[in-house]
Amino acid sequence: MAGSMGYMAPEIHQANEMPCKAQVTDVFSLGVLFFMLAFGAPPFHSAVNTDPYFSCLKIKPGNTDFFKFHPHTRNLFNKKLIPQCFMDLLLAMLMVEPAKRVQEVGKLLEFDFFTCEEEPNDESMYLTDVMKQAVTELKDDMESNQED
């Protein structure tokens, strides 16, 4: 197994027993990176059931309680400083069940976060641009690899 445990999708841990789809696992890893960019810390230590924050994602898929209780997001959440469209994006990317996760990197660009009409501040606008560029480049790279 190669890679950093904190970035790995949960299905990677059982890859010997059950094959996994590359784009779906990449979406999960990108979700971890986006969380780290936004909040300065990983969403969990490892995508295993013994990690309490990962367990929250597993027990309550798609639920914003994750942000309410996470130590690096709870204050922002309580002050309503995390846009709903950003929470929706992260929760969709960090969905524990691979079949319920976004299946293609390019589909991420359809999320409201990237088309949000809210008045962003300079810092969040920069973060949005960086994330959109990362998704676009990964999508283009995957499409060019499929053509080869």
N, C-alpha and C. Protein backbone atom coordinates (compact mmCIF):
# COMPACT_ATOMS: atom_id res chain seq x y z
N MET A 1 0.85 -1.17 0.00
CA MET A 1 0.00 0.00 0.00
C MET A 1 0.90 1.24 0.00
N ALA A 2 0.67 2.12 -0.94
CA ALA A 2 1.46 3.34 -1.05
C ALA A 2 0.59 4.55 -0.74
N GLY A 3 1.19 5.59 -0.19
CA GLY A 3 0.46 6.82 0.09
C GLY A 3 0.42 7.12 1.56
N SER A 4 -0.10 8.29 1.88
CA SER A 4 -0.23 8.72 3.27
C SER A 4 -1.58 8.29 3.82
N MET A 5 -1.59 7.70 4.98
CA MET A 5 -2.81 7.15 5.57
C MET A 5 -3.93 8.20 5.69
N GLY A 6 -3.58 9.42 6.05
CA GLY A 6 -4.59 10.44 6.25
C GLY A 6 -5.31 10.87 4.98
N TYR A 7 -4.72 10.59 3.83
CA TYR A 7 -5.32 10.99 2.55
C TYR A 7 -6.07 9.85 1.87
N MET A 8 -5.85 8.65 2.33
CA MET A 8 -6.41 7.47 1.65
C MET A 8 -7.89 7.28 1.89
N ALA A 9 -8.58 6.96 0.81
CA ALA A 9 -10.00 6.63 0.90
C ALA A 9 -10.15 5.34 1.70
N PRO A 10 -11.26 5.18 2.40
CA PRO A 10 -11.43 3.99 3.25
C PRO A 10 -11.35 2.67 2.48
N GLU A 11 -11.79 2.66 1.22
CA GLU A 11 -11.77 1.41 0.46
C GLU A 11 -10.35 0.96 0.11
N ILE A 12 -9.39 1.87 0.17
CA ILE A 12 -8.00 1.50 -0.11
C ILE A 12 -7.50 0.49 0.92
N HIS A 13 -8.01 0.60 2.14
CA HIS A 13 -7.58 -0.30 3.21
C HIS A 13 -7.98 -1.75 2.94
N GLN A 14 -8.99 -1.95 2.08
CA GLN A 14 -9.40 -3.31 1.71
C GLN A 14 -9.13 -3.59 0.23
N ALA A 15 -8.21 -2.88 -0.36
CA ALA A 15 -7.95 -3.02 -1.80
C ALA A 15 -7.50 -4.42 -2.20
N ASN A 16 -6.88 -5.15 -1.29
CA ASN A 16 -6.47 -6.53 -1.60
C ASN A 16 -7.68 -7.44 -1.79
N GLU A 17 -8.76 -7.14 -1.07
CA GLU A 17 -9.96 -7.98 -1.12
C GLU A 17 -10.98 -7.49 -2.15
N MET A 18 -11.01 -6.17 -2.37
CA MET A 18 -12.02 -5.59 -3.24
C MET A 18 -11.39 -4.46 -4.05
N PRO A 19 -11.40 -4.56 -5.38
CA PRO A 19 -10.79 -3.48 -6.18
C PRO A 19 -11.55 -2.17 -6.02
N CYS A 20 -10.85 -1.06 -6.19
CA CYS A 20 -11.50 0.24 -6.08
C CYS A 20 -11.25 1.08 -7.33
N LYS A 21 -12.11 2.05 -7.54
CA LYS A 21 -12.02 2.92 -8.71
C LYS A 21 -11.09 4.10 -8.41
N ALA A 22 -10.19 4.37 -9.34
CA ALA A 22 -9.18 5.40 -9.13
C ALA A 22 -9.80 6.78 -8.93
N GLN A 23 -10.72 7.21 -9.80
CA GLN A 23 -11.27 8.56 -9.68
C GLN A 23 -12.03 8.75 -8.38
N VAL A 24 -12.74 7.72 -7.96
CA VAL A 24 -13.53 7.82 -6.73
C VAL A 24 -12.60 7.97 -5.51
N THR A 25 -11.50 7.24 -5.51
CA THR A 25 -10.54 7.38 -4.40
C THR A 25 -9.81 8.71 -4.49
N ASP A 26 -9.56 9.20 -5.70
CA ASP A 26 -8.93 10.51 -5.87
C ASP A 26 -9.84 11.64 -5.37
N VAL A 27 -11.13 11.51 -5.58
CA VAL A 27 -12.08 12.51 -5.09
C VAL A 27 -12.00 12.58 -3.56
N PHE A 28 -11.93 11.43 -2.91
CA PHE A 28 -11.83 11.40 -1.45
C PHE A 28 -10.54 12.10 -1.00
N SER A 29 -9.42 11.76 -1.61
CA SER A 29 -8.14 12.37 -1.25
C SER A 29 -8.14 13.87 -1.49
N LEU A 30 -8.77 14.29 -2.57
CA LEU A 30 -8.87 15.72 -2.86
C LEU A 30 -9.75 16.42 -1.82
N GLY A 31 -10.76 15.73 -1.33
CA GLY A 31 -11.59 16.27 -0.25
C GLY A 31 -10.78 16.50 1.01
N VAL A 32 -9.89 15.57 1.32
CA VAL A 32 -9.00 15.74 2.48
C VAL A 32 -8.12 16.97 2.28
N LEU A 33 -7.56 17.11 1.07
CA LEU A 33 -6.70 18.27 0.78
C LEU A 33 -7.48 19.59 0.88
N PHE A 34 -8.70 19.61 0.34
CA PHE A 34 -9.51 20.82 0.40
C PHE A 34 -9.81 21.20 1.86
N PHE A 35 -10.11 20.19 2.68
CA PHE A 35 -10.37 20.44 4.10
C PHE A 35 -9.13 21.05 4.75
N MET A 36 -7.97 20.49 4.44
CA MET A 36 -6.71 20.99 5.02
C MET A 36 -6.41 22.41 4.55
N LEU A 37 -6.66 22.70 3.29
CA LEU A 37 -6.45 24.06 2.78
C LEU A 37 -7.34 25.07 3.50
N ALA A 38 -8.57 24.68 3.73
CA ALA A 38 -9.54 25.60 4.32
C ALA A 38 -9.37 25.76 5.83
N PHE A 39 -9.02 24.68 6.52
CA PHE A 39 -9.05 24.71 7.98
C PHE A 39 -7.70 24.47 8.65
N GLY A 40 -6.66 24.20 7.86
CA GLY A 40 -5.32 24.09 8.40
C GLY A 40 -5.00 22.80 9.13
N ALA A 41 -5.86 21.81 9.02
CA ALA A 41 -5.64 20.52 9.68
C ALA A 41 -6.42 19.46 8.91
N PRO A 42 -6.02 18.20 9.01
CA PRO A 42 -6.77 17.15 8.32
C PRO A 42 -8.12 16.89 8.99
N PRO A 43 -9.08 16.35 8.23
CA PRO A 43 -10.39 16.07 8.80
C PRO A 43 -10.36 14.91 9.81
N PHE A 44 -9.37 14.05 9.69
CA PHE A 44 -9.19 12.89 10.57
C PHE A 44 -7.77 12.40 10.39
N HIS A 45 -7.34 11.51 11.29
CA HIS A 45 -5.97 10.98 11.17
C HIS A 45 -5.89 9.88 10.12
N SER A 46 -6.92 9.05 10.06
CA SER A 46 -6.95 7.95 9.12
C SER A 46 -8.40 7.55 8.87
N ALA A 47 -8.70 7.12 7.65
CA ALA A 47 -10.07 6.74 7.28
C ALA A 47 -10.37 5.32 7.74
N VAL A 48 -10.34 5.15 9.06
CA VAL A 48 -10.65 3.86 9.68
C VAL A 48 -11.69 4.08 10.77
N ASN A 49 -12.42 3.03 11.10
CA ASN A 49 -13.53 3.14 12.06
C ASN A 49 -13.10 3.59 13.45
N THR A 50 -11.85 3.38 13.82
CA THR A 50 -11.40 3.76 15.16
C THR A 50 -11.12 5.26 15.28
N ASP A 51 -11.07 5.98 14.18
CA ASP A 51 -10.87 7.42 14.22
C ASP A 51 -12.23 8.08 14.48
N PRO A 52 -12.37 8.86 15.55
CA PRO A 52 -13.69 9.41 15.91
C PRO A 52 -14.27 10.35 14.86
N TYR A 53 -13.45 11.15 14.20
CA TYR A 53 -13.99 12.09 13.21
C TYR A 53 -14.36 11.37 11.91
N PHE A 54 -13.59 10.35 11.55
CA PHE A 54 -13.98 9.55 10.40
C PHE A 54 -15.28 8.81 10.72
N SER A 55 -15.39 8.29 11.93
CA SER A 55 -16.61 7.58 12.34
C SER A 55 -17.84 8.47 12.23
N CYS A 56 -17.68 9.75 12.54
CA CYS A 56 -18.80 10.70 12.42
C CYS A 56 -19.27 10.77 10.97
N LEU A 57 -18.33 10.80 10.03
CA LEU A 57 -18.69 10.82 8.61
C LEU A 57 -19.39 9.53 8.21
N LYS A 58 -18.99 8.42 8.82
CA LYS A 58 -19.58 7.12 8.47
C LYS A 58 -20.97 6.97 9.07
N ILE A 59 -21.12 7.38 10.32
CA ILE A 59 -22.40 7.22 11.02
C ILE A 59 -23.46 8.19 10.49
N LYS A 60 -23.02 9.42 10.18
CA LYS A 60 -23.95 10.45 9.70
C LYS A 60 -23.47 10.99 8.35
N PRO A 61 -23.57 10.18 7.29
CA PRO A 61 -23.08 10.65 5.99
C PRO A 61 -23.82 11.89 5.51
N GLY A 62 -23.05 12.89 5.05
CA GLY A 62 -23.63 14.10 4.51
C GLY A 62 -24.17 15.07 5.55
N ASN A 63 -23.93 14.80 6.83
CA ASN A 63 -24.47 15.62 7.91
C ASN A 63 -23.47 16.68 8.35
N THR A 64 -23.92 17.92 8.48
CA THR A 64 -23.02 19.01 8.86
C THR A 64 -22.60 18.96 10.32
N ASP A 65 -23.11 18.01 11.10
CA ASP A 65 -22.64 17.84 12.48
C ASP A 65 -21.14 17.61 12.52
N PHE A 66 -20.60 17.06 11.45
CA PHE A 66 -19.15 16.85 11.37
C PHE A 66 -18.42 18.17 11.61
N PHE A 67 -18.88 19.24 10.99
CA PHE A 67 -18.26 20.56 11.14
C PHE A 67 -18.58 21.17 12.51
N LYS A 68 -19.73 20.84 13.03
CA LYS A 68 -20.17 21.35 14.33
C LYS A 68 -19.27 20.84 15.46
N PHE A 69 -18.77 19.60 15.33
CA PHE A 69 -18.01 18.99 16.41
C PHE A 69 -16.50 18.90 16.16
N HIS A 70 -16.07 19.07 14.93
CA HIS A 70 -14.63 18.96 14.62
C HIS A 70 -13.90 20.13 15.28
N PRO A 71 -12.76 19.86 15.96
CA PRO A 71 -12.06 20.93 16.69
C PRO A 71 -11.55 22.08 15.81
N HIS A 72 -11.31 21.83 14.54
CA HIS A 72 -10.80 22.89 13.67
C HIS A 72 -11.89 23.62 12.90
N THR A 73 -13.13 23.20 13.06
CA THR A 73 -14.23 23.87 12.35
C THR A 73 -15.36 24.33 13.28
N ARG A 74 -15.41 23.84 14.50
CA ARG A 74 -16.58 24.11 15.36
C ARG A 74 -16.83 25.60 15.59
N ASN A 75 -15.79 26.38 15.84
CA ASN A 75 -15.99 27.82 16.06
C ASN A 75 -16.51 28.51 14.81
N LEU A 76 -15.93 28.18 13.67
CA LEU A 76 -16.39 28.75 12.40
C LEU A 76 -17.83 28.34 12.11
N PHE A 77 -18.13 27.07 12.37
CA PHE A 77 -19.49 26.56 12.13
C PHE A 77 -20.49 27.30 13.01
N ASN A 78 -20.17 27.43 14.30
CA ASN A 78 -21.09 28.08 15.23
C ASN A 78 -21.31 29.55 14.90
N LYS A 79 -20.33 30.18 14.29
CA LYS A 79 -20.46 31.59 13.87
C LYS A 79 -21.01 31.71 12.45
N LYS A 80 -21.36 30.55 11.87
CA LYS A 80 -21.92 30.49 10.51
C LYS A 80 -20.96 31.09 9.47
N LEU A 81 -19.67 30.79 9.62
CA LEU A 81 -18.65 31.31 8.72
C LEU A 81 -18.19 30.30 7.67
N ILE A 82 -18.77 29.11 7.69
CA ILE A 82 -18.46 28.12 6.66
C ILE A 82 -19.66 28.09 5.70
N PRO A 83 -19.46 28.48 4.45
CA PRO A 83 -20.59 28.47 3.51
C PRO A 83 -21.19 27.08 3.36
N GLN A 84 -22.51 27.01 3.32
CA GLN A 84 -23.20 25.73 3.14
C GLN A 84 -22.73 25.02 1.88
N CYS A 85 -22.49 25.80 0.81
CA CYS A 85 -22.06 25.19 -0.45
C CYS A 85 -20.68 24.53 -0.31
N PHE A 86 -19.84 25.05 0.57
CA PHE A 86 -18.53 24.43 0.80
C PHE A 86 -18.67 23.17 1.64
N MET A 87 -19.52 23.21 2.65
CA MET A 87 -19.76 22.00 3.45
C MET A 87 -20.35 20.90 2.58
N ASP A 88 -21.29 21.25 1.70
CA ASP A 88 -21.89 20.26 0.80
C ASP A 88 -20.83 19.61 -0.09
N LEU A 89 -19.93 20.43 -0.62
CA LEU A 89 -18.85 19.90 -1.46
C LEU A 89 -17.97 18.94 -0.69
N LEU A 90 -17.49 19.36 0.48
CA LEU A 90 -16.61 18.50 1.27
C LEU A 90 -17.29 17.21 1.70
N LEU A 91 -18.53 17.31 2.15
CA LEU A 91 -19.24 16.10 2.58
C LEU A 91 -19.46 15.13 1.43
N ALA A 92 -19.70 15.65 0.23
CA ALA A 92 -19.85 14.78 -0.95
C ALA A 92 -18.53 14.11 -1.31
N MET A 93 -17.43 14.82 -1.13
CA MET A 93 -16.11 14.27 -1.46
C MET A 93 -15.64 13.27 -0.41
N LEU A 94 -16.02 13.49 0.84
CA LEU A 94 -15.57 12.63 1.94
C LEU A 94 -16.60 11.57 2.30
N MET A 95 -17.53 11.31 1.41
CA MET A 95 -18.53 10.26 1.65
C MET A 95 -17.81 8.93 1.82
N VAL A 96 -18.10 8.24 2.90
CA VAL A 96 -17.41 6.99 3.23
C VAL A 96 -17.71 5.90 2.22
N GLU A 97 -18.97 5.76 1.86
CA GLU A 97 -19.39 4.73 0.90
C GLU A 97 -19.01 5.16 -0.51
N PRO A 98 -18.10 4.43 -1.17
CA PRO A 98 -17.62 4.85 -2.50
C PRO A 98 -18.74 5.04 -3.52
N ALA A 99 -19.77 4.22 -3.47
CA ALA A 99 -20.86 4.32 -4.45
C ALA A 99 -21.67 5.61 -4.27
N LYS A 100 -21.63 6.21 -3.08
CA LYS A 100 -22.37 7.45 -2.80
C LYS A 100 -21.50 8.69 -3.00
N ARG A 101 -20.21 8.50 -3.19
CA ARG A 101 -19.27 9.61 -3.39
C ARG A 101 -19.34 10.08 -4.84
N VAL A 102 -18.93 11.29 -5.10
CA VAL A 102 -18.84 11.81 -6.46
C VAL A 102 -17.97 10.84 -7.26
N GLN A 103 -18.46 10.40 -8.42
CA GLN A 103 -17.80 9.35 -9.18
C GLN A 103 -16.75 9.85 -10.16
N GLU A 104 -16.84 11.11 -10.57
CA GLU A 104 -15.89 11.67 -11.53
C GLU A 104 -15.42 13.02 -11.05
N VAL A 105 -14.13 13.26 -11.17
CA VAL A 105 -13.54 14.51 -10.71
C VAL A 105 -14.23 15.71 -11.38
N GLY A 106 -14.51 15.62 -12.66
CA GLY A 106 -15.14 16.72 -13.38
C GLY A 106 -16.50 17.13 -12.82
N LYS A 107 -17.21 16.20 -12.20
CA LYS A 107 -18.52 16.49 -11.61
C LYS A 107 -18.42 17.45 -10.43
N LEU A 108 -17.24 17.55 -9.84
CA LEU A 108 -17.06 18.47 -8.71
C LEU A 108 -17.30 19.92 -9.13
N LEU A 109 -16.97 20.23 -10.39
CA LEU A 109 -17.12 21.60 -10.88
C LEU A 109 -18.58 22.02 -10.98
N GLU A 110 -19.50 21.05 -10.89
CA GLU A 110 -20.93 21.35 -10.94
C GLU A 110 -21.49 21.76 -9.58
N PHE A 111 -20.71 21.62 -8.52
CA PHE A 111 -21.18 21.97 -7.18
C PHE A 111 -21.33 23.48 -7.04
N ASP A 112 -22.31 23.88 -6.25
CA ASP A 112 -22.58 25.30 -6.04
C ASP A 112 -21.36 26.06 -5.52
N PHE A 113 -20.47 25.39 -4.82
CA PHE A 113 -19.29 26.07 -4.28
C PHE A 113 -18.51 26.78 -5.38
N PHE A 114 -18.42 26.16 -6.54
CA PHE A 114 -17.66 26.74 -7.63
C PHE A 114 -18.46 27.74 -8.46
N THR A 115 -19.76 27.76 -8.27
CA THR A 115 -20.60 28.70 -9.01
C THR A 115 -21.37 29.60 -8.06
N CYS A 116 -20.99 29.59 -6.80
CA CYS A 116 -21.68 30.30 -5.72
C CYS A 116 -21.84 31.79 -6.05
N GLU A 117 -23.01 32.30 -5.79
CA GLU A 117 -23.30 33.71 -6.04
C GLU A 117 -23.08 34.57 -4.79
N GLU A 118 -22.68 33.93 -3.68
CA GLU A 118 -22.45 34.68 -2.44
C GLU A 118 -21.31 35.67 -2.64
N GLU A 119 -21.32 36.72 -1.85
CA GLU A 119 -20.26 37.71 -1.89
C GLU A 119 -19.05 37.17 -1.12
N PRO A 120 -18.04 36.65 -1.84
CA PRO A 120 -16.89 36.11 -1.13
C PRO A 120 -15.93 37.23 -0.72
N ASN A 121 -15.16 36.96 0.34
CA ASN A 121 -14.09 37.91 0.68
C ASN A 121 -12.87 37.53 -0.15
N ASP A 122 -11.85 38.34 -0.13
CA ASP A 122 -10.66 38.09 -0.95
C ASP A 122 -10.02 36.75 -0.64
N GLU A 123 -10.00 36.38 0.65
CA GLU A 123 -9.35 35.12 1.04
C GLU A 123 -10.13 33.92 0.53
N SER A 124 -11.45 33.91 0.69
CA SER A 124 -12.23 32.76 0.24
C SER A 124 -12.26 32.69 -1.28
N MET A 125 -12.22 33.84 -1.94
CA MET A 125 -12.19 33.85 -3.40
C MET A 125 -10.91 33.19 -3.90
N TYR A 126 -9.79 33.49 -3.25
CA TYR A 126 -8.52 32.88 -3.62
C TYR A 126 -8.60 31.37 -3.42
N LEU A 127 -9.13 30.93 -2.29
CA LEU A 127 -9.24 29.50 -2.00
C LEU A 127 -10.13 28.82 -3.03
N THR A 128 -11.23 29.44 -3.40
CA THR A 128 -12.12 28.88 -4.41
C THR A 128 -11.38 28.72 -5.73
N ASP A 129 -10.63 29.74 -6.12
CA ASP A 129 -9.88 29.68 -7.37
C ASP A 129 -8.83 28.57 -7.35
N VAL A 130 -8.12 28.43 -6.24
CA VAL A 130 -7.10 27.38 -6.12
C VAL A 130 -7.75 26.00 -6.23
N MET A 131 -8.86 25.80 -5.55
CA MET A 131 -9.54 24.51 -5.56
C MET A 131 -10.11 24.21 -6.95
N LYS A 132 -10.70 25.22 -7.57
CA LYS A 132 -11.26 25.02 -8.92
C LYS A 132 -10.15 24.67 -9.90
N GLN A 133 -9.02 25.33 -9.79
CA GLN A 133 -7.88 25.03 -10.67
C GLN A 133 -7.39 23.60 -10.44
N ALA A 134 -7.32 23.18 -9.18
CA ALA A 134 -6.87 21.82 -8.88
C ALA A 134 -7.80 20.78 -9.49
N VAL A 135 -9.11 20.99 -9.35
CA VAL A 135 -10.09 20.05 -9.91
C VAL A 135 -9.99 20.04 -11.44
N THR A 136 -9.90 21.20 -12.05
CA THR A 136 -9.83 21.29 -13.50
C THR A 136 -8.58 20.59 -14.03
N GLU A 137 -7.44 20.83 -13.40
CA GLU A 137 -6.20 20.19 -13.86
C GLU A 137 -6.25 18.68 -13.67
N LEU A 138 -6.80 18.22 -12.56
CA LEU A 138 -6.91 16.77 -12.33
C LEU A 138 -7.86 16.15 -13.35
N LYS A 139 -8.98 16.81 -13.63
CA LYS A 139 -9.94 16.32 -14.62
C LYS A 139 -9.27 16.23 -15.99
N ASP A 140 -8.58 17.29 -16.40
CA ASP A 140 -7.90 17.30 -17.70
C ASP A 140 -6.83 16.21 -17.78
N ASP A 141 -6.10 16.03 -16.71
CA ASP A 141 -5.06 15.01 -16.66
C ASP A 141 -5.66 13.61 -16.80
N MET A 142 -6.75 13.37 -16.11
CA MET A 142 -7.41 12.05 -16.18
C MET A 142 -7.97 11.80 -17.58
N GLU A 143 -8.54 12.84 -18.18
CA GLU A 143 -9.10 12.69 -19.54
C GLU A 143 -7.99 12.42 -20.55
N SER A 144 -6.84 13.08 -20.41
CA SER A 144 -5.75 12.84 -21.34
C SER A 144 -5.14 11.45 -21.14
N ASN A 145 -5.14 10.96 -19.91
CA ASN A 145 -4.63 9.60 -19.65
C ASN A 145 -5.56 8.54 -20.25
N GLN A 146 -6.86 8.83 -20.30
CA GLN A 146 -7.81 7.88 -20.89
C GLN A 146 -7.64 7.80 -22.39
N GLU A 147 -7.22 8.91 -23.00
CA GLU A 147 -7.04 8.93 -24.45
C GLU A 147 -5.78 8.17 -24.88
N ASP A 148 -4.80 8.07 -23.98
CA ASP A 148 -3.54 7.38 -24.31
C ASP A 148 -3.69 5.88 -24.38
